[in-house]
C-alpha atoms as a PDB file:
ATOM      1  CA  MET A   1      92.446  69.992  94.119  1.00  0.00           C
ATOM      2  CA  ARG A   2      96.087  71.179  94.074  1.00  0.00           C
ATOM      3  CA  PHE A   3      98.235  71.667  90.877  1.00  0.00           C
ATOM      4  CA  CYS A   4     102.129  71.943  90.650  1.00  0.00           C
ATOM      5  CA  PRO A   5     102.865  75.612  90.175  1.00  0.00           C
ATOM      6  CA  LEU A   6     105.540  75.373  87.266  1.00  0.00           C
ATOM      7  CA  ASP A   7     103.950  72.573  85.190  1.00  0.00           C
ATOM      8  CA  GLY A   8     100.520  72.539  85.990  1.00  0.00           C
ATOM      9  CA  THR A   9     100.347  68.840  87.166  1.00  0.00           C
ATOM     10  CA  GLU A  10      97.727  67.620  89.515  1.00  0.00           C
ATOM     11  CA  LEU A  11      99.173  66.647  92.823  1.00  0.00           C
ATOM     12  CA  PRO A  12      98.140  64.601  95.756  1.00  0.00           C
ATOM     13  CA  GLN A  13      96.658  66.473  98.459  1.00  0.00           C
ATOM     14  CA  ALA A  14      99.882  66.537 100.662  1.00  0.00           C
ATOM     15  CA  ARG A  15     102.565  67.179  97.769  1.00  0.00           C
ATOM     16  CA  THR A  16     103.142  70.870  96.650  1.00  0.00           C
ATOM     17  CA  THR A  17     105.061  70.192  93.597  1.00  0.00           C
ATOM     18  CA  SER A  18     105.320  67.118  90.932  1.00  0.00           C
ATOM     19  CA  SER A  19     108.331  64.935  90.888  1.00  0.00           C
ATOM     20  CA  THR A  20     109.526  66.032  87.450  1.00  0.00           C
ATOM     21  CA  THR A  21     109.628  69.846  88.603  1.00  0.00           C
ATOM     22  CA  ILE A  22     111.331  68.835  91.865  1.00  0.00           C
ATOM     23  CA  ALA A  23     114.015  67.134  89.505  1.00  0.00           C
ATOM     24  CA  ARG A  24     114.400  69.841  86.552  1.00  0.00           C
ATOM     25  CA  ARG A  25     116.204  73.000  86.638  1.00  0.00           C
ATOM     26  CA  ILE A  26     114.002  75.999  86.941  1.00  0.00           C
ATOM     27  CA  THR A  27     114.184  77.785  83.585  1.00  0.00           C
ATOM     28  CA  ARG A  28     113.231  81.666  83.011  1.00  0.00           C
ATOM     29  CA  GLU A  29     112.074  80.862  79.146  1.00  0.00           C
ATOM     30  CA  GLU A  30     108.552  81.338  78.593  1.00  0.00           C
ATOM     31  CA  PRO A  31     106.649  78.172  77.226  1.00  0.00           C
ATOM     32  CA  ARG A  32     106.115  78.224  73.649  1.00  0.00           C
ATOM     33  CA  VAL A  33     103.595  76.815  71.396  1.00  0.00           C
ATOM     34  CA  GLU A  34     103.566  75.785  67.746  1.00  0.00           C
ATOM     35  CA  LEU A  35     101.842  77.827  65.140  1.00  0.00           C
ATOM     36  CA  PRO A  36     101.435  77.740  61.594  1.00  0.00           C
ATOM     37  CA  SER A  37     104.323  79.299  59.933  1.00  0.00           C
ATOM     38  CA  ALA A  38     103.393  82.960  58.522  1.00  0.00           C
ATOM     39  CA  GLY A  39     102.912  81.488  55.028  1.00  0.00           C
ATOM     40  CA  GLN A  40     100.637  79.110  56.073  1.00  0.00           C
ATOM     41  CA  ASP A  41      98.725  81.086  58.758  1.00  0.00           C
ATOM     42  CA  PRO A  42      95.088  81.266  57.484  1.00  0.00           C
ATOM     43  CA  LEU A  43      94.633  84.695  59.713  1.00  0.00           C
ATOM     44  CA  ILE A  44      96.995  86.307  57.609  1.00  0.00           C
ATOM     45  CA  GLY A  45      95.178  88.340  54.943  1.00  0.00           C
ATOM     46  CA  GLN A  46      91.655  88.269  56.810  1.00  0.00           C
ATOM     47  CA  VAL A  47      89.305  90.897  57.541  1.00  0.00           C
ATOM     48  CA  LEU A  48      87.922  90.616  61.155  1.00  0.00           C
ATOM     49  CA  GLU A  49      84.707  91.995  62.340  1.00  0.00           C
ATOM     50  CA  GLY A  50      84.846  94.160  58.917  1.00  0.00           C
ATOM     51  CA  LYS A  51      87.351  96.611  60.344  1.00  0.00           C
ATOM     52  CA  TYR A  52      90.760  94.636  61.324  1.00  0.00           C
ATOM     53  CA  HIS A  53      93.068  93.754  58.382  1.00  0.00           C
ATOM     54  CA  ILE A  54      95.779  91.178  59.627  1.00  0.00           C
ATOM     55  CA  GLN A  55      98.771  91.900  57.829  1.00  0.00           C
ATOM     56  CA  SER A  56     101.355  89.589  59.809  1.00  0.00           C
ATOM     57  CA  ARG A  57     102.244  87.466  62.701  1.00  0.00           C
ATOM     58  CA  ILE A  58     104.620  89.515  65.202  1.00  0.00           C
ATOM     59  CA  GLY A  59     104.889  87.322  68.151  1.00  0.00           C
ATOM     60  CA  GLN A  60     103.591  83.971  69.734  1.00  0.00           C
ATOM     61  CA  GLY A  61     103.538  82.421  73.245  1.00  0.00           C
ATOM     62  CA  ALA A  62     101.738  79.791  75.433  1.00  0.00           C
ATOM     63  CA  THR A  63      98.427  81.164  75.130  1.00  0.00           C
ATOM     64  CA  GLY A  64      98.074  82.034  71.557  1.00  0.00           C
ATOM     65  CA  ALA A  65      99.669  84.524  68.948  1.00  0.00           C
ATOM     66  CA  ILE A  66      99.682  88.323  68.334  1.00  0.00           C
ATOM     67  CA  TYR A  67      99.256  89.797  64.828  1.00  0.00           C
ATOM     68  CA  ARG A  68      99.744  93.163  63.267  1.00  0.00           C
ATOM     69  CA  ALA A  69      96.831  94.564  61.725  1.00  0.00           C
ATOM     70  CA  GLU A  70      95.290  97.619  59.882  1.00  0.00           C
ATOM     71  CA  ARG A  71      92.150  99.370  61.433  1.00  0.00           C
ATOM     72  CA  ILE A  72      90.588  99.998  58.006  1.00  0.00           C
ATOM     73  CA  ASN A  73      88.417 102.740  58.990  1.00  0.00           C
ATOM     74  CA  ILE A  74      90.895 104.342  60.645  1.00  0.00           C
ATOM     75  CA  GLY A  75      94.140 103.577  58.761  1.00  0.00           C
ATOM     76  CA  ASP A  76      96.524 103.125  61.550  1.00  0.00           C
ATOM     77  CA  ALA A  77      98.095  99.713  63.075  1.00  0.00           C
ATOM     78  CA  VAL A  78      97.030  97.832  65.930  1.00  0.00           C
ATOM     79  CA  ALA A  79      98.080  94.517  67.494  1.00  0.00           C
ATOM     80  CA  VAL A  80      95.625  91.575  67.802  1.00  0.00           C
ATOM     81  CA  LYS A  81      96.045  89.080  70.470  1.00  0.00           C
ATOM     82  CA  VAL A  82      94.589  85.469  69.237  1.00  0.00           C
ATOM     83  CA  LEU A  83      93.774  82.921  71.773  1.00  0.00           C
ATOM     84  CA  LYS A  84      94.764  79.440  70.772  1.00  0.00           C
ATOM     85  CA  PRO A  85      91.601  77.483  69.272  1.00  0.00           C
ATOM     86  CA  GLU A  86      91.825  74.644  72.226  1.00  0.00           C
ATOM     87  CA  LEU A  87      92.030  77.464  74.696  1.00  0.00           C
ATOM     88  CA  ALA A  88      89.309  79.517  73.323  1.00  0.00           C
ATOM     89  CA  GLU A  89      87.001  76.489  73.405  1.00  0.00           C
ATOM     90  CA  ASP A  90      87.712  75.764  76.943  1.00  0.00           C
ATOM     91  CA  TYR A  91      85.416  77.642  79.458  1.00  0.00           C
ATOM     92  CA  ALA A  92      88.011  78.694  82.434  1.00  0.00           C
ATOM     93  CA  ALA A  93      90.870  79.696  79.740  1.00  0.00           C
ATOM     94  CA  SER A  94      88.460  81.638  77.701  1.00  0.00           C
ATOM     95  CA  GLU A  95      87.066  83.537  80.667  1.00  0.00           C
ATOM     96  CA  ARG A  96      90.652  84.077  81.768  1.00  0.00           C
ATOM     97  CA  PHE A  97      91.016  85.788  78.386  1.00  0.00           C
ATOM     98  CA  ARG A  98      88.091  87.937  78.667  1.00  0.00           C
ATOM     99  CA  ARG A  99      89.154  88.880  82.145  1.00  0.00           C
ATOM    100  CA  GLU A 100      92.121  90.203  80.816  1.00  0.00           C
ATOM    101  CA  ALA A 101      90.291  92.429  78.554  1.00  0.00           C
ATOM    102  CA  LEU A 102      87.884  93.685  80.817  1.00  0.00           C
ATOM    103  CA  ALA A 103      91.219  94.389  83.136  1.00  0.00           C
ATOM    104  CA  LEU A 104      92.981  96.628  80.718  1.00  0.00           C
ATOM    105  CA  GLY A 105      89.553  98.049  79.765  1.00  0.00           C
ATOM    106  CA  ARG A 106      89.206  99.472  82.933  1.00  0.00           C
ATOM    107  CA  ILE A 107      92.649 101.416  82.811  1.00  0.00           C
ATOM    108  CA  ARG A 108      93.473 104.146  80.952  1.00  0.00           C
ATOM    109  CA  HIS A 109      97.018 105.633  81.565  1.00  0.00           C
ATOM    110  CA  PRO A 110     100.071 106.305  79.542  1.00  0.00           C
ATOM    111  CA  ASN A 111     102.021 103.799  81.266  1.00  0.00           C
ATOM    112  CA  VAL A 112      99.427 101.078  80.329  1.00  0.00           C
ATOM    113  CA  ILE A 113      99.135  99.139  77.111  1.00  0.00           C
ATOM    114  CA  ALA A 114      95.642 100.456  75.659  1.00  0.00           C
ATOM    115  CA  ILE A 115      92.949  98.122  74.569  1.00  0.00           C
ATOM    116  CA  TYR A 116      90.368  99.139  71.786  1.00  0.00           C
ATOM    117  CA  ASP A 117      88.454  96.070  71.394  1.00  0.00           C
ATOM    118  CA  TYR A 118      87.479  92.318  72.253  1.00  0.00           C
ATOM    119  CA  PHE A 119      85.364  90.134  70.251  1.00  0.00           C
ATOM    120  CA  GLU A 120      84.646  86.394  69.801  1.00  0.00           C
ATOM    121  CA  GLN A 121      83.565  84.077  66.939  1.00  0.00           C
ATOM    122  CA  PRO A 122      81.825  81.106  67.858  1.00  0.00           C
ATOM    123  CA  ARG A 123      82.705  77.456  66.007  1.00  0.00           C
ATOM    124  CA  GLN A 124      81.311  77.258  62.522  1.00  0.00           C
ATOM    125  CA  GLY A 125      81.715  73.646  60.951  1.00  0.00           C
ATOM    126  CA  ASP A 126      85.182  72.912  60.710  1.00  0.00           C
ATOM    127  CA  ARG A 127      86.513  76.655  61.825  1.00  0.00           C
ATOM    128  CA  PRO A 128      87.066  76.761  65.658  1.00  0.00           C
ATOM    129  CA  ALA A 129      85.977  78.970  68.108  1.00  0.00           C
ATOM    130  CA  SER A 130      88.446  82.171  68.418  1.00  0.00           C
ATOM    131  CA  ILE A 131      88.786  85.143  70.688  1.00  0.00           C
ATOM    132  CA  PHE A 132      90.561  88.467  69.977  1.00  0.00           C
ATOM    133  CA  LEU A 133      91.757  91.149  71.896  1.00  0.00           C
ATOM    134  CA  VAL A 134      92.563  94.173  70.075  1.00  0.00           C
ATOM    135  CA  MET A 135      95.210  96.490  71.618  1.00  0.00           C
ATOM    136  CA  GLU A 136      97.597  99.329  70.991  1.00  0.00           C
ATOM    137  CA  LEU A 137     100.648  98.221  68.904  1.00  0.00           C
ATOM    138  CA  LEU A 138     103.957  98.912  70.642  1.00  0.00           C
ATOM    139  CA  SER A 139     107.294  98.624  68.861  1.00  0.00           C
ATOM    140  CA  GLY A 140     109.927  99.192  71.564  1.00  0.00           C
ATOM    141  CA  LYS A 141     111.718  96.448  73.500  1.00  0.00           C
ATOM    142  CA  THR A 142     111.033  94.646  76.458  1.00  0.00           C
ATOM    143  CA  LEU A 143     112.822  95.116  79.843  1.00  0.00           C
ATOM    144  CA  ARG A 144     114.048  91.678  79.602  1.00  0.00           C
ATOM    145  CA  ASP A 145     115.498  92.475  76.006  1.00  0.00           C
ATOM    146  CA  ILE A 146     117.137  95.524  77.548  1.00  0.00           C
ATOM    147  CA  LEU A 147     118.771  93.567  80.424  1.00  0.00           C
ATOM    148  CA  ARG A 148     119.964  90.842  78.274  1.00  0.00           C
ATOM    149  CA  GLN A 149     121.813  93.285  76.096  1.00  0.00           C
ATOM    150  CA  GLU A 150     122.893  95.841  79.202  1.00  0.00           C
ATOM    151  CA  HIS A 151     122.850  93.335  81.822  1.00  0.00           C
ATOM    152  CA  VAL A 152     122.741  96.333  84.272  1.00  0.00           C
ATOM    153  CA  LEU A 153     121.079  99.519  83.857  1.00  0.00           C
ATOM    154  CA  ASP A 154     122.479 103.126  84.945  1.00  0.00           C
ATOM    155  CA  ILE A 155     120.984 104.047  88.476  1.00  0.00           C
ATOM    156  CA  ARG A 156     119.017 107.360  87.411  1.00  0.00           C
ATOM    157  CA  ARG A 157     117.825 105.563  84.574  1.00  0.00           C
ATOM    158  CA  THR A 158     116.335 102.682  86.492  1.00  0.00           C
ATOM    159  CA  VAL A 159     114.500 104.990  88.997  1.00  0.00           C
ATOM    160  CA  ARG A 160     112.932 107.022  85.971  1.00  0.00           C
ATOM    161  CA  LEU A 161     111.495 103.563  84.631  1.00  0.00           C
ATOM    162  CA  MET A 162     110.425 102.547  87.848  1.00  0.00           C
ATOM    163  CA  VAL A 163     108.599 105.798  88.778  1.00  0.00           C
ATOM    164  CA  GLN A 164     106.415 105.096  85.593  1.00  0.00           C
ATOM    165  CA  ILE A 165     106.012 101.403  86.163  1.00  0.00           C
ATOM    166  CA  CYS A 166     104.796 102.336  89.609  1.00  0.00           C
ATOM    167  CA  ALA A 167     102.279 105.050  88.322  1.00  0.00           C
ATOM    168  CA  ALA A 168     100.870 102.235  85.842  1.00  0.00           C
ATOM    169  CA  LEU A 169     100.353  99.901  88.876  1.00  0.00           C
ATOM    170  CA  HIS A 170      98.729 102.707  90.923  1.00  0.00           C
ATOM    171  CA  VAL A 171      96.061 103.363  88.446  1.00  0.00           C
ATOM    172  CA  ALA A 172      95.616  99.665  88.020  1.00  0.00           C
ATOM    173  CA  HIS A 173      95.207  99.041  91.816  1.00  0.00           C
ATOM    174  CA  GLU A 174      93.102 102.058  92.159  1.00  0.00           C
ATOM    175  CA  ARG A 175      90.862 100.374  90.116  1.00  0.00           C
ATOM    176  CA  ASN A 176      90.853  96.964  91.935  1.00  0.00           C
ATOM    177  CA  VAL A 177      93.167  95.462  89.348  1.00  0.00           C
ATOM    178  CA  ILE A 178      96.175  93.064  91.016  1.00  0.00           C
ATOM    179  CA  HIS A 179      98.661  92.428  87.893  1.00  0.00           C
ATOM    180  CA  ARG A 180     100.097  89.205  89.938  1.00  0.00           C
ATOM    181  CA  ASP A 181     102.781  88.440  87.085  1.00  0.00           C
ATOM    182  CA  LEU A 182     104.833  91.034  86.664  1.00  0.00           C
ATOM    183  CA  LYS A 183     108.626  90.399  85.458  1.00  0.00           C
ATOM    184  CA  PRO A 184     110.619  92.276  83.013  1.00  0.00           C
ATOM    185  CA  GLU A 185     109.304  90.324  79.850  1.00  0.00           C
ATOM    186  CA  ASN A 186     105.639  92.195  80.793  1.00  0.00           C
ATOM    187  CA  ILE A 187     107.101  95.651  80.994  1.00  0.00           C
ATOM    188  CA  MET A 188     107.624  97.299  77.526  1.00  0.00           C
ATOM    189  CA  VAL A 189     110.064 100.162  76.844  1.00  0.00           C
ATOM    190  CA  GLU A 190     109.087 102.472  73.714  1.00  0.00           C
ATOM    191  CA  GLN A 191     112.215 104.802  72.778  1.00  0.00           C
ATOM    192  CA  TYR A 192     111.077 108.406  71.873  1.00  0.00           C
ATOM    193  CA  ASP A 193     114.343 109.750  71.533  1.00  0.00           C
ATOM    194  CA  ARG A 194     117.907 109.632  73.019  1.00  0.00           C
ATOM    195  CA  GLN A 195     116.587 111.178  76.199  1.00  0.00           C
ATOM    196  CA  GLN A 196     113.444 109.931  76.845  1.00  0.00           C
ATOM    197  CA  GLU A 197     111.781 106.401  77.242  1.00  0.00           C
ATOM    198  CA  MET A 198     108.388 105.176  78.345  1.00  0.00           C
ATOM    199  CA  ALA A 199     107.493 102.311  80.126  1.00  0.00           C
ATOM    200  CA  LYS A 200     104.547 100.440  79.131  1.00  0.00           C
ATOM    201  CA  VAL A 201     103.020  97.362  81.689  1.00  0.00           C
ATOM    202  CA  ILE A 202     101.427  94.854  79.441  1.00  0.00           C
ATOM    203  CA  ASP A 203      99.762  91.386  79.882  1.00  0.00           C
ATOM    204  CA  PHE A 204      97.075  91.834  82.687  1.00  0.00           C
ATOM    205  CA  GLY A 205      96.148  87.878  81.742  1.00  0.00           C
ATOM    206  CA  LEU A 206      96.784  87.078  85.541  1.00  0.00           C
ATOM    207  CA  ALA A 207      95.287  89.888  87.157  1.00  0.00           C
ATOM    208  CA  ARG A 208      92.725  89.300  89.849  1.00  0.00           C
ATOM    209  CA  LEU A 209      89.815  91.693  90.075  1.00  0.00           C
ATOM    210  CA  ARG A 210      89.190  92.771  93.791  1.00  0.00           C
ATOM    211  CA  MET A 211      85.689  94.430  93.662  1.00  0.00           C
ATOM    212  CA  THR A 212      84.641  96.018  96.871  1.00  0.00           C
ATOM    213  CA  GLY A 213      81.651  94.707  98.701  1.00  0.00           C
ATOM    214  CA  LYS A 214      81.210  91.654  96.006  1.00  0.00           C
ATOM    215  CA  LEU A 215      82.451  88.519  96.326  1.00  0.00           C
ATOM    216  CA  ILE A 216      84.595  87.523  93.276  1.00  0.00           C
ATOM    217  CA  LYS A 217      85.004  84.011  92.561  1.00  0.00           C
ATOM    218  CA  THR A 218      88.633  83.459  91.362  1.00  0.00           C
ATOM    219  CA  LEU A 219      89.481  81.469  88.323  1.00  0.00           C
ATOM    220  CA  THR A 220      92.490  80.189  89.664  1.00  0.00           C
ATOM    221  CA  GLU A 221      91.546  76.881  91.406  1.00  0.00           C
ATOM    222  CA  GLN A 222      92.457  77.010  94.841  1.00  0.00           C
ATOM    223  CA  GLY A 223      95.769  76.037  95.530  1.00  0.00           C
ATOM    224  CA  ARG A 224      96.972  76.443  92.178  1.00  0.00           C
ATOM    225  CA  VAL A 225     100.055  79.422  91.846  1.00  0.00           C
ATOM    226  CA  ALA A 226      99.729  81.509  89.082  1.00  0.00           C
ATOM    227  CA  GLY A 227     102.793  83.908  88.662  1.00  0.00           C
ATOM    228  CA  THR A 228     106.291  83.541  87.350  1.00  0.00           C
ATOM    229  CA  PRO A 229     108.542  81.874  89.956  1.00  0.00           C
ATOM    230  CA  TYR A 230     111.575  84.021  90.077  1.00  0.00           C
ATOM    231  CA  TYR A 231     109.112  87.160  90.717  1.00  0.00           C
ATOM    232  CA  MET A 232     106.220  85.969  92.876  1.00  0.00           C
ATOM    233  CA  ALA A 233     105.735  87.162  96.457  1.00  0.00           C
ATOM    234  CA  PRO A 234     106.008  84.900  99.637  1.00  0.00           C
ATOM    235  CA  GLU A 235     102.011  84.982  99.698  1.00  0.00           C
ATOM    236  CA  GLN A 236     101.421  83.586  96.328  1.00  0.00           C
ATOM    237  CA  TRP A 237     103.701  80.837  97.463  1.00  0.00           C
ATOM    238  CA  MET A 238     101.699  79.978 100.812  1.00  0.00           C
ATOM    239  CA  ASP A 239      98.280  80.391  98.965  1.00  0.00           C
ATOM    240  CA  ARG A 240      97.309  83.465 100.920  1.00  0.00           C
ATOM    241  CA  PRO A 241      95.393  86.590 100.024  1.00  0.00           C
ATOM    242  CA  LEU A 242      97.144  88.944  97.485  1.00  0.00           C
ATOM    243  CA  ASP A 243      96.820  92.512  97.232  1.00  0.00           C
ATOM    244  CA  ALA A 244      98.562  95.414  95.841  1.00  0.00           C
ATOM    245  CA  ARG A 245     101.699  94.809  97.848  1.00  0.00           C
ATOM    246  CA  THR A 246     101.976  91.461  95.815  1.00  0.00           C
ATOM    247  CA  ASP A 247     102.658  93.963  93.116  1.00  0.00           C
ATOM    248  CA  VAL A 248     105.274  96.132  94.949  1.00  0.00           C
ATOM    249  CA  TYR A 249     107.114  92.768  96.091  1.00  0.00           C
ATOM    250  CA  ALA A 250     107.497  91.835  92.196  1.00  0.00           C
ATOM    251  CA  LEU A 251     108.359  95.561  91.503  1.00  0.00           C
ATOM    252  CA  GLY A 252     111.176  95.196  94.089  1.00  0.00           C
ATOM    253  CA  ILE A 253     112.594  92.077  92.594  1.00  0.00           C
ATOM    254  CA  ILE A 254     112.382  93.909  89.091  1.00  0.00           C
ATOM    255  CA  CYS A 255     114.191  96.885  90.351  1.00  0.00           C
ATOM    256  CA  TYR A 256     116.954  94.775  92.026  1.00  0.00           C
ATOM    257  CA  GLU A 257     117.510  92.871  88.882  1.00  0.00           C
ATOM    258  CA  MET A 258     117.759  96.238  86.781  1.00  0.00           C
ATOM    259  CA  LEU A 259     120.508  97.597  89.102  1.00  0.00           C
ATOM    260  CA  THR A 260     122.415  94.452  90.081  1.00  0.00           C
ATOM    261  CA  GLY A 261     122.113  92.154  86.973  1.00  0.00           C
ATOM    262  CA  ARG A 262     120.553  89.231  88.720  1.00  0.00           C
ATOM    263  CA  VAL A 263     117.552  88.363  90.633  1.00  0.00           C
ATOM    264  CA  PRO A 264     117.869  87.958  94.641  1.00  0.00           C
ATOM    265  CA  PHE A 265     116.688  84.024  94.729  1.00  0.00           C
ATOM    266  CA  HIS A 266     118.368  81.495  92.557  1.00  0.00           C
ATOM    267  CA  ALA A 267     117.818  78.122  93.003  1.00  0.00           C
ATOM    268  CA  ASP A 268     117.832  74.564  90.824  1.00  0.00           C
ATOM    269  CA  THR A 269     114.128  73.638  91.886  1.00  0.00           C
ATOM    270  CA  VAL A 270     110.718  75.274  92.569  1.00  0.00           C
ATOM    271  CA  MET A 271     110.649  74.079  95.998  1.00  0.00           C
ATOM    272  CA  GLN A 272     114.279  75.538  96.713  1.00  0.00           C
ATOM    273  CA  LEU A 273     113.274  78.636  95.121  1.00  0.00           C
ATOM    274  CA  ALA A 274     110.175  79.056  97.332  1.00  0.00           C
ATOM    275  CA  ASN A 275     111.963  78.114 100.216  1.00  0.00           C
ATOM    276  CA  LYS A 276     114.104  81.223  99.962  1.00  0.00           C
ATOM    277  CA  HIS A 277     111.350  83.649  99.034  1.00  0.00           C
ATOM    278  CA  VAL A 278     109.439  82.610 102.014  1.00  0.00           C
ATOM    279  CA  LYS A 279     112.341  82.361 104.676  1.00  0.00           C
ATOM    280  CA  MET A 280     115.921  83.799 103.464  1.00  0.00           C
ATOM    281  CA  PRO A 281     116.325  87.340 103.720  1.00  0.00           C
ATOM    282  CA  PRO A 282     117.953  88.943 100.228  1.00  0.00           C
ATOM    283  CA  ARG A 283     121.308  90.473  99.925  1.00  0.00           C
ATOM    284  CA  PRO A 284     121.371  94.045 100.174  1.00  0.00           C
ATOM    285  CA  PRO A 285     121.731  95.170  96.326  1.00  0.00           C
ATOM    286  CA  ILE A 286     124.475  97.753  97.307  1.00  0.00           C
ATOM    287  CA  GLU A 287     126.556  94.611  98.252  1.00  0.00           C
ATOM    288  CA  LEU A 288     126.593  93.800  94.629  1.00  0.00           C
ATOM    289  CA  ARG A 289     126.808  97.388  93.343  1.00  0.00           C
ATOM    290  CA  ARG A 290     128.707  99.725  95.505  1.00  0.00           C
ATOM    291  CA  GLU A 291     127.931 102.730  94.069  1.00  0.00           C
ATOM    292  CA  LEU A 292     124.442 102.384  94.543  1.00  0.00           C
ATOM    293  CA  PRO A 293     122.898 104.734  97.014  1.00  0.00           C
ATOM    294  CA  LEU A 294     122.328 103.705 100.353  1.00  0.00           C
ATOM    295  CA  GLY A 295     118.506 105.049 100.406  1.00  0.00           C
ATOM    296  CA  ILE A 296     117.460 102.801  97.035  1.00  0.00           C
ATOM    297  CA  SER A 297     118.958  99.779  98.369  1.00  0.00           C
ATOM    298  CA  GLN A 298     116.886 100.012 101.656  1.00  0.00           C
ATOM    299  CA  ALA A 299     114.211 101.223  99.275  1.00  0.00           C
ATOM    300  CA  ILE A 300     114.234  97.837  97.272  1.00  0.00           C
ATOM    301  CA  LEU A 301     114.735  95.786 100.604  1.00  0.00           C
ATOM    302  CA  ARG A 302     111.639  97.206 101.948  1.00  0.00           C
ATOM    303  CA  ALA A 303     109.795  96.265  99.211  1.00  0.00           C
ATOM    304  CA  LEU A 304     111.074  92.718  99.439  1.00  0.00           C
ATOM    305  CA  ALA A 305     109.826  92.200 103.004  1.00  0.00           C
ATOM    306  CA  LYS A 306     108.524  88.823 103.495  1.00  0.00           C
ATOM    307  CA  GLN A 307     105.279  90.057 105.411  1.00  0.00           C
ATOM    308  CA  PRO A 308     103.108  92.411 103.110  1.00  0.00           C
ATOM    309  CA  GLN A 309     102.758  94.880 106.102  1.00  0.00           C
ATOM    310  CA  ASP A 310     106.146  95.620 106.057  1.00  0.00           C
ATOM    311  CA  ARG A 311     106.033  96.578 102.319  1.00  0.00           C
ATOM    312  CA  PRO A 312     105.359  99.836 100.853  1.00  0.00           C
ATOM    313  CA  SER A 313     101.630  99.847 100.865  1.00  0.00           C
ATOM    314  CA  THR A 314     101.144 101.431  97.312  1.00  0.00           C
ATOM    315  CA  THR A 315     103.548 101.372  94.074  1.00  0.00           C
ATOM    316  CA  LEU A 316     103.695 105.160  94.679  1.00  0.00           C
ATOM    317  CA  GLU A 317     105.254 104.846  97.908  1.00  0.00           C
ATOM    318  CA  LEU A 318     107.857 102.757  96.599  1.00  0.00           C
ATOM    319  CA  ALA A 319     108.301 105.152  93.743  1.00  0.00           C
ATOM    320  CA  ASP A 320     108.449 108.105  96.384  1.00  0.00           C
ATOM    321  CA  ALA A 321     111.408 105.905  98.447  1.00  0.00           C
ATOM    322  CA  LEU A 322     113.545 105.328  95.249  1.00  0.00           C
ATOM    323  CA  GLN A 323     113.232 109.106  94.274  1.00  0.00           C
ATOM    324  CA  ARG A 324     114.286 109.970  97.864  1.00  0.00           C
ATOM    325  CA  GLY A 325     116.969 107.406  97.835  1.00  0.00           C
ATOM    326  CA  LEU A 326     118.537 108.985  94.374  1.00  0.00           C
ATOM    327  CA  LEU A 327     118.182 112.802  95.649  1.00  0.00           C
ATOM    328  CA  GLY A 328     119.676 111.772  99.100  1.00  0.00           C
ATOM    329  CA  ALA A 329     122.980 110.894  96.964  1.00  0.00           C
ATOM    330  CA  ALA A 330     123.128 113.771  94.822  1.00  0.00           C
END
């Protein structure tokens, strides 16, 4: 069984995208869901598990909502992610959400959002089942927000942030966690003062656990592409095995966008975009920004190699190449 990578439509065996997706333009906007207004939200004011006082809703997305809550026993603020009821009662979706908790719980790093708790509430009468993930509350902006405001970033600032992001992903990869959905929306930037920023990688909801010596049954059905099209590696489009170098590719695109203000590949349809990721070499970023050090441009292009074996084997290797490129221009 195969599915369209953008709209999830079940496809005949010979098709790779639905007709509606082929005809429509690709958008970077995340899918939204309709949730109750803040004044009508039944969770606000509740105390969950006797320790999390829900204060306000601070965000929503395709899978549910995020709330600000107080940990009563400690008195600090946390974020509580709540899966949509219809997804909480769907085994595959709830298992995917549980996997996010497991993936995050295995990682301890200052550049990865911290997870504190995970719990479920079964259906009771008219009350639907609920699943909750309690996380560190972040107050910064997403990298997407920053790019919208600033378009392109300072070269040194970009390398500093990329080094932090690469360090976070390296720790995840060492614990057999691949993110698989890296994009500017999934990177938060916390501002501590004018001179110090800290990147935080969030949303490991699509992460696939690779456990050496064990056969892991993936939750993504065979042929179903998981990821965000502009940042997806060729092997994701071709349903091939993924590893840490898949994340390296996405980081290459993110770095490209931070330094040039654009992603390397644009297209009107998913099929055109897939073809470019799989076959077309990217335009060197130095051609779009002449003051960019040659070493940095080359490091990005290597991260965007079509074949995983031609990319840096680890995110630390990518970070090192970016730093050497910056030092070589000094």
